[in-house]
Amino acid sequence: MKFEKLSIPDIVLITPDIYGDERGFFMETYNKEAFSNNGIDIDFVQDNYSRSSKGVLRGLHYQLPPYTQDKLVTVVSGAVLDVVVDIRKDSKTFGQHIAVELNSETRQMLLVPHGFAHGFLTLSNSVDFQYKVSNKYAPEYDRGVLWSDVDLGIDWGIDNPLVSEKDSKLPLLKNITESELL
């Protein structure tokens, strides 16, 4: 696996080694030792899987302590624009984001540590999205940032995505109290 640190500290793009022939392919999706050798010592406790149709936007989500989550996300089938926003209140990159395309061709993974809001937009007709998390889902600690917050400057490439009612009512980053940031 190749581990590439991106422009915001702690965000890592992971490109797996894929071994293929006429029968198909094989790859490791997680290797604790390889991750540890690259400074990633996270105890993942749960795997999640979702399916979304084209134009669905999920996010931007995060959880408050003590239920913050580190996430390792990947696309099993299809393609997404994956977006991570730094919401660490004392960070030099607070409010900045990274957007990368994840797809089932490259099978890249993105490490999203706690302290970041995460979301994605489906680019293909259907997307199967898988992610490992380091903590359980706790609805009462669930928070988010509005996907269309102009101050974030995210170019989603779409004007009217299909967004859940809950996600459409998330606050702008500037309206989130300091106690609700990480």
Foldseek 3Di string as FASTA:
>chain_A
DDWDADPFPPKIKAFWDWADDPVGIDTDPDDQVVCVVVVHHFDFDDKDKDKDFAQAKDFQKFFDPPFTKKKKKAWQAAKKFKKKAQQAVPDPRHLEMDTDMGHNVRRMIIIHGGRIGIMIGGHHRMIMMMMTIRGDDDVVRMAGAAPVQVSSVDCRVDDDGDYDPVNNPHHHSVPDDPNNGD
